[in-house]
Amino acid sequence: MSEKRVNNRKRKRLRVRFGLETPKRMAFTDDLSPKGLFITTSMPEKPGTILMLEIELSATETVKCQAQVRWARKIPSSLLRVATKGGMGVTLGRFSQGKELYQQAVEQLRY
């Protein structure tokens, strides 16, 4: 897959909950950018799906937003730790909480 994103992603593992109507499933991020992130999961949603996300920046800071799945790669859960990029890349949409916190967190990460 050719690299099309404008913003470089920064590696960061954060707890994230996601779901279609409510964020019920728990996973972790692999990398972040100001406009998107990658969610590591053995059961990604299909490209085009709109998700609700809750991203835990810390024990007291949670970001809530919508995201659209741009691409997904499904791999067996037994290979999730050793395979590369099992999960889904999402583009962030409307934030309902913590947009500024998210942007600050991304800016503070090193490449």
PDB file of N, CA and C in Angstrom:
ATOM      1  N   MET A   1       0.851  -1.173   0.000  1.00  0.00           N
ATOM      2  CA  MET A   1       0.000   0.000   0.000  1.00  0.00           C
ATOM      3  C   MET A   1       0.897   1.237   0.000  1.00  0.00           C
ATOM      4  N   SER A   2       0.668   2.137  -0.934  1.00  0.00           N
ATOM      5  CA  SER A   2       1.477   3.347  -0.992  1.00  0.00           C
ATOM      6  C   SER A   2       1.063   4.313   0.115  1.00  0.00           C
ATOM      7  N   GLU A   3       2.026   5.066   0.577  1.00  0.00           N
ATOM      8  CA  GLU A   3       1.800   6.015   1.665  1.00  0.00           C
ATOM      9  C   GLU A   3       1.134   7.263   1.115  1.00  0.00           C
ATOM     10  N   LYS A   4      -0.107   7.560   1.553  1.00  0.00           N
ATOM     11  CA  LYS A   4      -0.866   8.698   1.047  1.00  0.00           C
ATOM     12  C   LYS A   4      -1.078   9.783   2.088  1.00  0.00           C
ATOM     13  N   ARG A   5      -0.797   9.484   3.351  1.00  0.00           N
ATOM     14  CA  ARG A   5      -1.113  10.471   4.386  1.00  0.00           C
ATOM     15  C   ARG A   5      -0.127  11.629   4.375  1.00  0.00           C
ATOM     16  N   VAL A   6      -0.633  12.790   4.707  1.00  0.00           N
ATOM     17  CA  VAL A   6       0.171  14.007   4.734  1.00  0.00           C
ATOM     18  C   VAL A   6       0.935  14.111   6.051  1.00  0.00           C
ATOM     19  N   ASN A   7       0.275  13.758   7.159  1.00  0.00           N
ATOM     20  CA  ASN A   7       0.899  13.859   8.476  1.00  0.00           C
ATOM     21  C   ASN A   7       1.562  12.545   8.861  1.00  0.00           C
ATOM     22  N   ASN A   8       2.799  12.632   9.342  1.00  0.00           N
ATOM     23  CA  ASN A   8       3.481  11.443   9.824  1.00  0.00           C
ATOM     24  C   ASN A   8       2.827  10.957  11.102  1.00  0.00           C
ATOM     25  N   ARG A   9       2.722   9.656  11.231  1.00  0.00           N
ATOM     26  CA  ARG A   9       2.158   9.083  12.448  1.00  0.00           C
ATOM     27  C   ARG A   9       3.273   8.894  13.465  1.00  0.00           C
ATOM     28  N   LYS A  10       2.903   9.037  14.729  1.00  0.00           N
ATOM     29  CA  LYS A  10       3.858   8.867  15.826  1.00  0.00           C
ATOM     30  C   LYS A  10       3.427   7.661  16.630  1.00  0.00           C
ATOM     31  N   ARG A  11       4.376   6.789  16.966  1.00  0.00           N
ATOM     32  CA  ARG A  11       4.062   5.569  17.701  1.00  0.00           C
ATOM     33  C   ARG A  11       3.627   5.910  19.122  1.00  0.00           C
ATOM     34  N   LYS A  12       2.488   5.348  19.519  1.00  0.00           N
ATOM     35  CA  LYS A  12       1.982   5.539  20.881  1.00  0.00           C
ATOM     36  C   LYS A  12       0.917   4.491  21.151  1.00  0.00           C
ATOM     37  N   ARG A  13       1.051   3.829  22.290  1.00  0.00           N
ATOM     38  CA  ARG A  13       0.077   2.813  22.699  1.00  0.00           C
ATOM     39  C   ARG A  13      -0.835   3.426  23.757  1.00  0.00           C
ATOM     40  N   LEU A  14      -2.087   3.635  23.368  1.00  0.00           N
ATOM     41  CA  LEU A  14      -3.105   4.156  24.274  1.00  0.00           C
ATOM     42  C   LEU A  14      -4.303   3.213  24.256  1.00  0.00           C
ATOM     43  N   ARG A  15      -4.985   3.128  25.365  1.00  0.00           N
ATOM     44  CA  ARG A  15      -6.213   2.330  25.416  1.00  0.00           C
ATOM     45  C   ARG A  15      -7.310   3.086  24.673  1.00  0.00           C
ATOM     46  N   VAL A  16      -8.030   2.363  23.831  1.00  0.00           N
ATOM     47  CA  VAL A  16      -9.123   2.963  23.067  1.00  0.00           C
ATOM     48  C   VAL A  16     -10.315   2.004  23.077  1.00  0.00           C
ATOM     49  N   ARG A  17     -11.484   2.577  23.260  1.00  0.00           N
ATOM     50  CA  ARG A  17     -12.724   1.803  23.135  1.00  0.00           C
ATOM     51  C   ARG A  17     -13.385   2.269  21.842  1.00  0.00           C
ATOM     52  N   PHE A  18     -13.992   1.312  21.124  1.00  0.00           N
ATOM     53  CA  PHE A  18     -14.638   1.671  19.866  1.00  0.00           C
ATOM     54  C   PHE A  18     -15.890   0.823  19.656  1.00  0.00           C
ATOM     55  N   GLY A  19     -16.791   1.353  18.856  1.00  0.00           N
ATOM     56  CA  GLY A  19     -18.018   0.637  18.527  1.00  0.00           C
ATOM     57  C   GLY A  19     -18.832   1.428  17.531  1.00  0.00           C
ATOM     58  N   LEU A  20     -19.861   0.775  17.002  1.00  0.00           N
ATOM     59  CA  LEU A  20     -20.686   1.422  15.984  1.00  0.00           C
ATOM     60  C   LEU A  20     -21.565   2.524  16.562  1.00  0.00           C
ATOM     61  N   GLU A  21     -22.270   2.240  17.642  1.00  0.00           N
ATOM     62  CA  GLU A  21     -23.130   3.252  18.262  1.00  0.00           C
ATOM     63  C   GLU A  21     -22.582   3.720  19.607  1.00  0.00           C
ATOM     64  N   THR A  22     -22.000   2.787  20.335  1.00  0.00           N
ATOM     65  CA  THR A  22     -21.343   3.117  21.604  1.00  0.00           C
ATOM     66  C   THR A  22     -20.008   2.389  21.648  1.00  0.00           C
ATOM     67  N   PRO A  23     -18.991   2.994  22.240  1.00  0.00           N
ATOM     68  CA  PRO A  23     -17.666   2.368  22.302  1.00  0.00           C
ATOM     69  C   PRO A  23     -17.628   1.237  23.337  1.00  0.00           C
ATOM     70  N   LYS A  24     -17.865   0.007  22.895  1.00  0.00           N
ATOM     71  CA  LYS A  24     -17.920  -1.148  23.787  1.00  0.00           C
ATOM     72  C   LYS A  24     -16.660  -2.013  23.730  1.00  0.00           C
ATOM     73  N   ARG A  25     -16.039  -2.098  22.556  1.00  0.00           N
ATOM     74  CA  ARG A  25     -14.884  -2.985  22.385  1.00  0.00           C
ATOM     75  C   ARG A  25     -13.603  -2.262  22.767  1.00  0.00           C
ATOM     76  N   MET A  26     -12.705  -2.970  23.451  1.00  0.00           N
ATOM     77  CA  MET A  26     -11.456  -2.373  23.916  1.00  0.00           C
ATOM     78  C   MET A  26     -10.299  -2.842  23.045  1.00  0.00           C
ATOM     79  N   ALA A  27      -9.400  -1.908  22.731  1.00  0.00           N
ATOM     80  CA  ALA A  27      -8.209  -2.209  21.945  1.00  0.00           C
ATOM     81  C   ALA A  27      -7.134  -1.189  22.324  1.00  0.00           C
ATOM     82  N   PHE A  28      -6.063  -1.144  21.550  1.00  0.00           N
ATOM     83  CA  PHE A  28      -4.988  -0.179  21.777  1.00  0.00           C
ATOM     84  C   PHE A  28      -4.604   0.476  20.462  1.00  0.00           C
ATOM     85  N   THR A  29      -4.141   1.716  20.558  1.00  0.00           N
ATOM     86  CA  THR A  29      -3.603   2.385  19.380  1.00  0.00           C
ATOM     87  C   THR A  29      -2.193   1.868  19.143  1.00  0.00           C
ATOM     88  N   ASP A  30      -1.742   2.000  17.918  1.00  0.00           N
ATOM     89  CA  ASP A  30      -0.355   1.677  17.573  1.00  0.00           C
ATOM     90  C   ASP A  30       0.396   2.948  17.210  1.00  0.00           C
ATOM     91  N   ASP A  31      -0.295   3.837  16.497  1.00  0.00           N
ATOM     92  CA  ASP A  31       0.302   5.123  16.149  1.00  0.00           C
ATOM     93  C   ASP A  31      -0.787   6.177  16.008  1.00  0.00           C
ATOM     94  N   LEU A  32      -0.357   7.445  16.080  1.00  0.00           N
ATOM     95  CA  LEU A  32      -1.283   8.581  16.072  1.00  0.00           C
ATOM     96  C   LEU A  32      -0.786   9.658  15.123  1.00  0.00           C
ATOM     97  N   SER A  33      -1.710  10.444  14.604  1.00  0.00           N
ATOM     98  CA  SER A  33      -1.390  11.672  13.887  1.00  0.00           C
ATOM     99  C   SER A  33      -2.491  12.666  14.232  1.00  0.00           C
ATOM    100  N   PRO A  34      -2.337  13.918  13.865  1.00  0.00           N
ATOM    101  CA  PRO A  34      -3.399  14.887  14.176  1.00  0.00           C
ATOM    102  C   PRO A  34      -4.752  14.523  13.569  1.00  0.00           C
ATOM    103  N   LYS A  35      -4.766  13.798  12.471  1.00  0.00           N
ATOM    104  CA  LYS A  35      -6.027  13.515  11.782  1.00  0.00           C
ATOM    105  C   LYS A  35      -6.456  12.051  11.792  1.00  0.00           C
ATOM    106  N   GLY A  36      -5.645  11.163  12.359  1.00  0.00           N
ATOM    107  CA  GLY A  36      -6.013   9.757  12.341  1.00  0.00           C
ATOM    108  C   GLY A  36      -5.163   8.921  13.270  1.00  0.00           C
ATOM    109  N   LEU A  37      -5.494   7.627  13.331  1.00  0.00           N
ATOM    110  CA  LEU A  37      -4.738   6.700  14.169  1.00  0.00           C
ATOM    111  C   LEU A  37      -4.951   5.280  13.696  1.00  0.00           C
ATOM    112  N   PHE A  38      -4.137   4.381  14.218  1.00  0.00           N
ATOM    113  CA  PHE A  38      -4.271   2.967  13.906  1.00  0.00           C
ATOM    114  C   PHE A  38      -4.683   2.233  15.172  1.00  0.00           C
ATOM    115  N   ILE A  39      -5.730   1.402  15.056  1.00  0.00           N
ATOM    116  CA  ILE A  39      -6.225   0.618  16.182  1.00  0.00           C
ATOM    117  C   ILE A  39      -5.845  -0.838  15.949  1.00  0.00           C
ATOM    118  N   THR A  40      -5.080  -1.408  16.874  1.00  0.00           N
ATOM    119  CA  THR A  40      -4.699  -2.812  16.792  1.00  0.00           C
ATOM    120  C   THR A  40      -5.832  -3.666  17.333  1.00  0.00           C
ATOM    121  N   THR A  41      -6.382  -4.521  16.481  1.00  0.00           N
ATOM    122  CA  THR A  41      -7.479  -5.408  16.870  1.00  0.00           C
ATOM    123  C   THR A  41      -7.527  -6.594  15.913  1.00  0.00           C
ATOM    124  N   SER A  42      -7.939  -7.746  16.425  1.00  0.00           N
ATOM    125  CA  SER A  42      -8.071  -8.920  15.563  1.00  0.00           C
ATOM    126  C   SER A  42      -9.401  -8.921  14.814  1.00  0.00           C
ATOM    127  N   MET A  43     -10.309  -8.009  15.184  1.00  0.00           N
ATOM    128  CA  MET A  43     -11.618  -7.946  14.531  1.00  0.00           C
ATOM    129  C   MET A  43     -11.931  -6.527  14.068  1.00  0.00           C
ATOM    130  N   PRO A  44     -11.245  -6.056  13.023  1.00  0.00           N
ATOM    131  CA  PRO A  44     -11.488  -4.696  12.545  1.00  0.00           C
ATOM    132  C   PRO A  44     -12.830  -4.582  11.828  1.00  0.00           C
ATOM    133  N   GLU A  45     -13.344  -3.375  11.781  1.00  0.00           N
ATOM    134  CA  GLU A  45     -14.566  -3.095  11.035  1.00  0.00           C
ATOM    135  C   GLU A  45     -14.199  -2.871   9.562  1.00  0.00           C
ATOM    136  N   LYS A  46     -15.186  -2.895   8.698  1.00  0.00           N
ATOM    137  CA  LYS A  46     -14.967  -2.723   7.263  1.00  0.00           C
ATOM    138  C   LYS A  46     -14.660  -1.261   6.930  1.00  0.00           C
ATOM    139  N   PRO A  47     -13.849  -1.031   5.890  1.00  0.00           N
ATOM    140  CA  PRO A  47     -13.606   0.340   5.447  1.00  0.00           C
ATOM    141  C   PRO A  47     -14.918   1.064   5.135  1.00  0.00           C
ATOM    142  N   GLY A  48     -14.974   2.336   5.533  1.00  0.00           N
ATOM    143  CA  GLY A  48     -16.164   3.146   5.354  1.00  0.00           C
ATOM    144  C   GLY A  48     -17.049   3.200   6.588  1.00  0.00           C
ATOM    145  N   THR A  49     -16.854   2.270   7.528  1.00  0.00           N
ATOM    146  CA  THR A  49     -17.660   2.223   8.745  1.00  0.00           C
ATOM    147  C   THR A  49     -17.370   3.431   9.629  1.00  0.00           C
ATOM    148  N   ILE A  50     -18.417   4.032  10.178  1.00  0.00           N
ATOM    149  CA  ILE A  50     -18.274   5.135  11.127  1.00  0.00           C
ATOM    150  C   ILE A  50     -18.272   4.537  12.535  1.00  0.00           C
ATOM    151  N   LEU A  51     -17.265   4.890  13.318  1.00  0.00           N
ATOM    152  CA  LEU A  51     -17.112   4.387  14.683  1.00  0.00           C
ATOM    153  C   LEU A  51     -17.192   5.516  15.698  1.00  0.00           C
ATOM    154  N   MET A  52     -17.582   5.173  16.895  1.00  0.00           N
ATOM    155  CA  MET A  52     -17.474   6.065  18.043  1.00  0.00           C
ATOM    156  C   MET A  52     -16.235   5.617  18.819  1.00  0.00           C
ATOM    157  N   LEU A  53     -15.354   6.555  19.153  1.00  0.00           N
ATOM    158  CA  LEU A  53     -14.117   6.239  19.874  1.00  0.00           C
ATOM    159  C   LEU A  53     -14.063   6.942  21.219  1.00  0.00           C
ATOM    160  N   GLU A  54     -13.443   6.274  22.186  1.00  0.00           N
ATOM    161  CA  GLU A  54     -13.038   6.886  23.450  1.00  0.00           C
ATOM    162  C   GLU A  54     -11.572   6.531  23.636  1.00  0.00           C
ATOM    163  N   ILE A  55     -10.714   7.542  23.565  1.00  0.00           N
ATOM    164  CA  ILE A  55      -9.275   7.359  23.664  1.00  0.00           C
ATOM    165  C   ILE A  55      -8.818   7.845  25.030  1.00  0.00           C
ATOM    166  N   GLU A  56      -8.190   6.971  25.802  1.00  0.00           N
ATOM    167  CA  GLU A  56      -7.711   7.332  27.139  1.00  0.00           C
ATOM    168  C   GLU A  56      -6.292   7.878  27.042  1.00  0.00           C
ATOM    169  N   LEU A  57      -6.165   9.187  27.167  1.00  0.00           N
ATOM    170  CA  LEU A  57      -4.839   9.816  27.153  1.00  0.00           C
ATOM    171  C   LEU A  57      -4.123   9.614  28.478  1.00  0.00           C
ATOM    172  N   SER A  58      -4.879   9.566  29.563  1.00  0.00           N
ATOM    173  CA  SER A  58      -4.348   9.325  30.911  1.00  0.00           C
ATOM    174  C   SER A  58      -5.498   8.805  31.764  1.00  0.00           C
ATOM    175  N   ALA A  59      -5.238   8.594  33.032  1.00  0.00           N
ATOM    176  CA  ALA A  59      -6.279   8.093  33.929  1.00  0.00           C
ATOM    177  C   ALA A  59      -7.428   9.092  34.087  1.00  0.00           C
ATOM    178  N   THR A  60      -7.147  10.372  33.824  1.00  0.00           N
ATOM    179  CA  THR A  60      -8.173  11.406  34.022  1.00  0.00           C
ATOM    180  C   THR A  60      -8.588  12.115  32.735  1.00  0.00           C
ATOM    181  N   GLU A  61      -7.936  11.813  31.600  1.00  0.00           N
ATOM    182  CA  GLU A  61      -8.230  12.511  30.346  1.00  0.00           C
ATOM    183  C   GLU A  61      -8.682  11.527  29.264  1.00  0.00           C
ATOM    184  N   THR A  62      -9.917  11.708  28.809  1.00  0.00           N
ATOM    185  CA  THR A  62     -10.481  10.860  27.766  1.00  0.00           C
ATOM    186  C   THR A  62     -10.984  11.723  26.622  1.00  0.00           C
ATOM    187  N   VAL A  63     -10.667  11.292  25.410  1.00  0.00           N
ATOM    188  CA  VAL A  63     -11.112  11.967  24.200  1.00  0.00           C
ATOM    189  C   VAL A  63     -12.257  11.150  23.612  1.00  0.00           C
ATOM    190  N   LYS A  64     -13.319  11.844  23.195  1.00  0.00           N
ATOM    191  CA  LYS A  64     -14.452  11.177  22.555  1.00  0.00           C
ATOM    192  C   LYS A  64     -14.651  11.791  21.179  1.00  0.00           C
ATOM    193  N   CYS A  65     -14.728  10.922  20.171  1.00  0.00           N
ATOM    194  CA  CYS A  65     -14.908  11.417  18.809  1.00  0.00           C
ATOM    195  C   CYS A  65     -15.464  10.332  17.891  1.00  0.00           C
ATOM    196  N   GLN A  66     -15.840  10.760  16.699  1.00  0.00           N
ATOM    197  CA  GLN A  66     -16.214   9.838  15.643  1.00  0.00           C
ATOM    198  C   GLN A  66     -14.991   9.594  14.784  1.00  0.00           C
ATOM    199  N   ALA A  67     -14.980   8.449  14.101  1.00  0.00           N
ATOM    200  CA  ALA A  67     -13.892   8.144  13.178  1.00  0.00           C
ATOM    201  C   ALA A  67     -14.450   7.284  12.053  1.00  0.00           C
ATOM    202  N   GLN A  68     -13.795   7.358  10.905  1.00  0.00           N
ATOM    203  CA  GLN A  68     -14.185   6.518   9.777  1.00  0.00           C
ATOM    204  C   GLN A  68     -13.039   5.563   9.462  1.00  0.00           C
ATOM    205  N   VAL A  69     -13.375   4.283   9.317  1.00  0.00           N
ATOM    206  CA  VAL A  69     -12.373   3.275   8.968  1.00  0.00           C
ATOM    207  C   VAL A  69     -11.951   3.503   7.522  1.00  0.00           C
ATOM    208  N   ARG A  70     -10.651   3.691   7.306  1.00  0.00           N
ATOM    209  CA  ARG A  70     -10.108   3.913   5.965  1.00  0.00           C
ATOM    210  C   ARG A  70      -9.590   2.619   5.356  1.00  0.00           C
ATOM    211  N   TRP A  71      -8.977   1.776   6.185  1.00  0.00           N
ATOM    212  CA  TRP A  71      -8.485   0.484   5.718  1.00  0.00           C
ATOM    213  C   TRP A  71      -8.422  -0.474   6.896  1.00  0.00           C
ATOM    214  N   ALA A  72      -8.450  -1.764   6.595  1.00  0.00           N
ATOM    215  CA  ALA A  72      -8.442  -2.768   7.656  1.00  0.00           C
ATOM    216  C   ALA A  72      -7.709  -4.014   7.186  1.00  0.00           C
ATOM    217  N   ARG A  73      -7.046  -4.656   8.129  1.00  0.00           N
ATOM    218  CA  ARG A  73      -6.374  -5.922   7.857  1.00  0.00           C
ATOM    219  C   ARG A  73      -6.713  -6.871   8.999  1.00  0.00           C
ATOM    220  N   LYS A  74      -7.433  -7.923   8.667  1.00  0.00           N
ATOM    221  CA  LYS A  74      -7.838  -8.899   9.670  1.00  0.00           C
ATOM    222  C   LYS A  74      -6.800 -10.014   9.726  1.00  0.00           C
ATOM    223  N   ILE A  75      -6.332 -10.287  10.940  1.00  0.00           N
ATOM    224  CA  ILE A  75      -5.404 -11.396  11.153  1.00  0.00           C
ATOM    225  C   ILE A  75      -5.898 -12.201  12.347  1.00  0.00           C
ATOM    226  N   PRO A  76      -5.514 -13.474  12.438  1.00  0.00           N
ATOM    227  CA  PRO A  76      -5.932 -14.271  13.591  1.00  0.00           C
ATOM    228  C   PRO A  76      -5.410 -13.668  14.897  1.00  0.00           C
ATOM    229  N   SER A  77      -6.221 -13.722  15.947  1.00  0.00           N
ATOM    230  CA  SER A  77      -5.820 -13.139  17.228  1.00  0.00           C
ATOM    231  C   SER A  77      -4.546 -13.771  17.764  1.00  0.00           C
ATOM    232  N   SER A  78      -4.266 -15.019  17.420  1.00  0.00           N
ATOM    233  CA  SER A  78      -3.043 -15.676  17.897  1.00  0.00           C
ATOM    234  C   SER A  78      -1.790 -15.056  17.286  1.00  0.00           C
ATOM    235  N   LEU A  79      -1.932 -14.364  16.155  1.00  0.00           N
ATOM    236  CA  LEU A  79      -0.787 -13.732  15.490  1.00  0.00           C
ATOM    237  C   LEU A  79      -0.719 -12.227  15.703  1.00  0.00           C
ATOM    238  N   LEU A  80      -1.642 -11.681  16.477  1.00  0.00           N
ATOM    239  CA  LEU A  80      -1.747 -10.234  16.637  1.00  0.00           C
ATOM    240  C   LEU A  80      -0.465  -9.602  17.173  1.00  0.00           C
ATOM    241  N   ARG A  81       0.224 -10.267  18.079  1.00  0.00           N
ATOM    242  CA  ARG A  81       1.444  -9.694  18.669  1.00  0.00           C
ATOM    243  C   ARG A  81       2.643  -9.748  17.733  1.00  0.00           C
ATOM    244  N   VAL A  82       2.676 -10.709  16.805  1.00  0.00           N
ATOM    245  CA  VAL A  82       3.846 -10.857  15.938  1.00  0.00           C
ATOM    246  C   VAL A  82       3.627 -10.339  14.524  1.00  0.00           C
ATOM    247  N   ALA A  83       2.385 -10.269  14.074  1.00  0.00           N
ATOM    248  CA  ALA A  83       2.104  -9.790  12.722  1.00  0.00           C
ATOM    249  C   ALA A  83       2.186  -8.269  12.672  1.00  0.00           C
ATOM    250  N   THR A  84       2.372  -7.750  11.482  1.00  0.00           N
ATOM    251  CA  THR A  84       2.456  -6.310  11.312  1.00  0.00           C
ATOM    252  C   THR A  84       1.100  -5.732  10.941  1.00  0.00           C
ATOM    253  N   LYS A  85       0.680  -4.730  11.676  1.00  0.00           N
ATOM    254  CA  LYS A  85      -0.517  -3.950  11.362  1.00  0.00           C
ATOM    255  C   LYS A  85      -1.778  -4.787  11.209  1.00  0.00           C
ATOM    256  N   GLY A  86      -2.110  -5.540  12.220  1.00  0.00           N
ATOM    257  CA  GLY A  86      -3.403  -6.208  12.266  1.00  0.00           C
ATOM    258  C   GLY A  86      -4.383  -5.273  12.946  1.00  0.00           C
ATOM    259  N   GLY A  87      -5.369  -4.803  12.216  1.00  0.00           N
ATOM    260  CA  GLY A  87      -6.328  -3.869  12.788  1.00  0.00           C
ATOM    261  C   GLY A  87      -6.874  -2.941  11.732  1.00  0.00           C
ATOM    262  N   MET A  88      -7.038  -1.655  12.094  1.00  0.00           N
ATOM    263  CA  MET A  88      -7.647  -0.707  11.153  1.00  0.00           C
ATOM    264  C   MET A  88      -7.095   0.700  11.333  1.00  0.00           C
ATOM    265  N   GLY A  89      -6.922   1.361  10.215  1.00  0.00           N
ATOM    266  CA  GLY A  89      -6.544   2.762  10.207  1.00  0.00           C
ATOM    267  C   GLY A  89      -7.802   3.603  10.095  1.00  0.00           C
ATOM    268  N   VAL A  90      -7.919   4.617  10.937  1.00  0.00           N
ATOM    269  CA  VAL A  90      -9.117   5.446  10.946  1.00  0.00           C
ATOM    270  C   VAL A  90      -8.757   6.919  10.797  1.00  0.00           C
ATOM    271  N   THR A  91      -9.655   7.658  10.175  1.00  0.00           N
ATOM    272  CA  THR A  91      -9.565   9.115  10.089  1.00  0.00           C
ATOM    273  C   THR A  91     -10.500   9.686  11.137  1.00  0.00           C
ATOM    274  N   LEU A  92      -9.995  10.595  11.955  1.00  0.00           N
ATOM    275  CA  LEU A  92     -10.809  11.185  13.012  1.00  0.00           C
ATOM    276  C   LEU A  92     -11.780  12.208  12.433  1.00  0.00           C
ATOM    277  N   GLY A  93     -12.971  12.223  13.010  1.00  0.00           N
ATOM    278  CA  GLY A  93     -14.009  13.158  12.573  1.00  0.00           C
ATOM    279  C   GLY A  93     -14.377  14.121  13.684  1.00  0.00           C
ATOM    280  N   ARG A  94     -15.669  14.254  13.922  1.00  0.00           N
ATOM    281  CA  ARG A  94     -16.187  15.205  14.911  1.00  0.00           C
ATOM    282  C   ARG A  94     -15.829  14.762  16.331  1.00  0.00           C
ATOM    283  N   PHE A  95     -15.246  15.686  17.085  1.00  0.00           N
ATOM    284  CA  PHE A  95     -14.913  15.448  18.493  1.00  0.00           C
ATOM    285  C   PHE A  95     -16.073  15.940  19.354  1.00  0.00           C
ATOM    286  N   SER A  96     -16.466  15.153  20.350  1.00  0.00           N
ATOM    287  CA  SER A  96     -17.464  15.618  21.311  1.00  0.00           C
ATOM    288  C   SER A  96     -16.798  15.983  22.638  1.00  0.00           C
ATOM    289  N   GLN A  97     -15.525  15.572  22.804  1.00  0.00           N
ATOM    290  CA  GLN A  97     -14.797  15.888  24.034  1.00  0.00           C
ATOM    291  C   GLN A  97     -13.298  15.715  23.803  1.00  0.00           C
ATOM    292  N   GLY A  98     -12.516  16.702  24.193  1.00  0.00           N
ATOM    293  CA  GLY A  98     -11.075  16.562  24.262  1.00  0.00           C
ATOM    294  C   GLY A  98     -10.277  16.781  22.996  1.00  0.00           C
ATOM    295  N   LYS A  99     -10.809  17.514  22.032  1.00  0.00           N
ATOM    296  CA  LYS A  99     -10.067  17.733  20.786  1.00  0.00           C
ATOM    297  C   LYS A  99      -8.716  18.397  21.048  1.00  0.00           C
ATOM    298  N   GLU A 100      -8.711  19.431  21.870  1.00  0.00           N
ATOM    299  CA  GLU A 100      -7.464  20.141  22.165  1.00  0.00           C
ATOM    300  C   GLU A 100      -6.485  19.234  22.910  1.00  0.00           C
ATOM    301  N   LEU A 101      -6.994  18.418  23.826  1.00  0.00           N
ATOM    302  CA  LEU A 101      -6.136  17.475  24.558  1.00  0.00           C
ATOM    303  C   LEU A 101      -5.475  16.487  23.607  1.00  0.00           C
ATOM    304  N   TYR A 102      -6.241  15.983  22.651  1.00  0.00           N
ATOM    305  CA  TYR A 102      -5.700  15.029  21.681  1.00  0.00           C
ATOM    306  C   TYR A 102      -4.602  15.690  20.848  1.00  0.00           C
ATOM    307  N   GLN A 103      -4.884  16.876  20.331  1.00  0.00           N
ATOM    308  CA  GLN A 103      -3.902  17.580  19.502  1.00  0.00           C
ATOM    309  C   GLN A 103      -2.610  17.853  20.281  1.00  0.00           C
ATOM    310  N   GLN A 104      -2.741  18.257  21.547  1.00  0.00           N
ATOM    311  CA  GLN A 104      -1.564  18.498  22.386  1.00  0.00           C
ATOM    312  C   GLN A 104      -0.782  17.205  22.613  1.00  0.00           C
ATOM    313  N   ALA A 105      -1.473  16.106  22.849  1.00  0.00           N
ATOM    314  CA  ALA A 105      -0.819  14.812  23.085  1.00  0.00           C
ATOM    315  C   ALA A 105      -0.017  14.381  21.864  1.00  0.00           C
ATOM    316  N   VAL A 106      -0.576  14.563  20.673  1.00  0.00           N
ATOM    317  CA  VAL A 106       0.130  14.196  19.445  1.00  0.00           C
ATOM    318  C   VAL A 106       1.362  15.078  19.256  1.00  0.00           C
ATOM    319  N   GLU A 107       1.213  16.370  19.496  1.00  0.00           N
ATOM    320  CA  GLU A 107       2.336  17.297  19.338  1.00  0.00           C
ATOM    321  C   GLU A 107       3.496  16.968  20.281  1.00  0.00           C
ATOM    322  N   GLN A 108       3.206  16.438  21.449  1.00  0.00           N
ATOM    323  CA  GLN A 108       4.249  16.148  22.442  1.00  0.00           C
ATOM    324  C   GLN A 108       5.014  14.858  22.155  1.00  0.00           C
ATOM    325  N   LEU A 109       4.520  14.019  21.246  1.00  0.00           N
ATOM    326  CA  LEU A 109       5.181  12.765  20.934  1.00  0.00           C
ATOM    327  C   LEU A 109       6.391  13.004  20.033  1.00  0.00           C
ATOM    328  N   ARG A 110       7.392  12.172  20.171  1.00  0.00           N
ATOM    329  CA  ARG A 110       8.567  12.239  19.301  1.00  0.00           C
ATOM    330  C   ARG A 110       8.402  11.254  18.152  1.00  0.00           C
ATOM    331  N   TYR A 111       9.065  11.557  17.036  1.00  0.00           N
ATOM    332  CA  TYR A 111       9.042  10.632  15.888  1.00  0.00           C
ATOM    333  C   TYR A 111       9.934   9.460  16.151  1.00  0.00           C
TER     334      TYR A 111
END
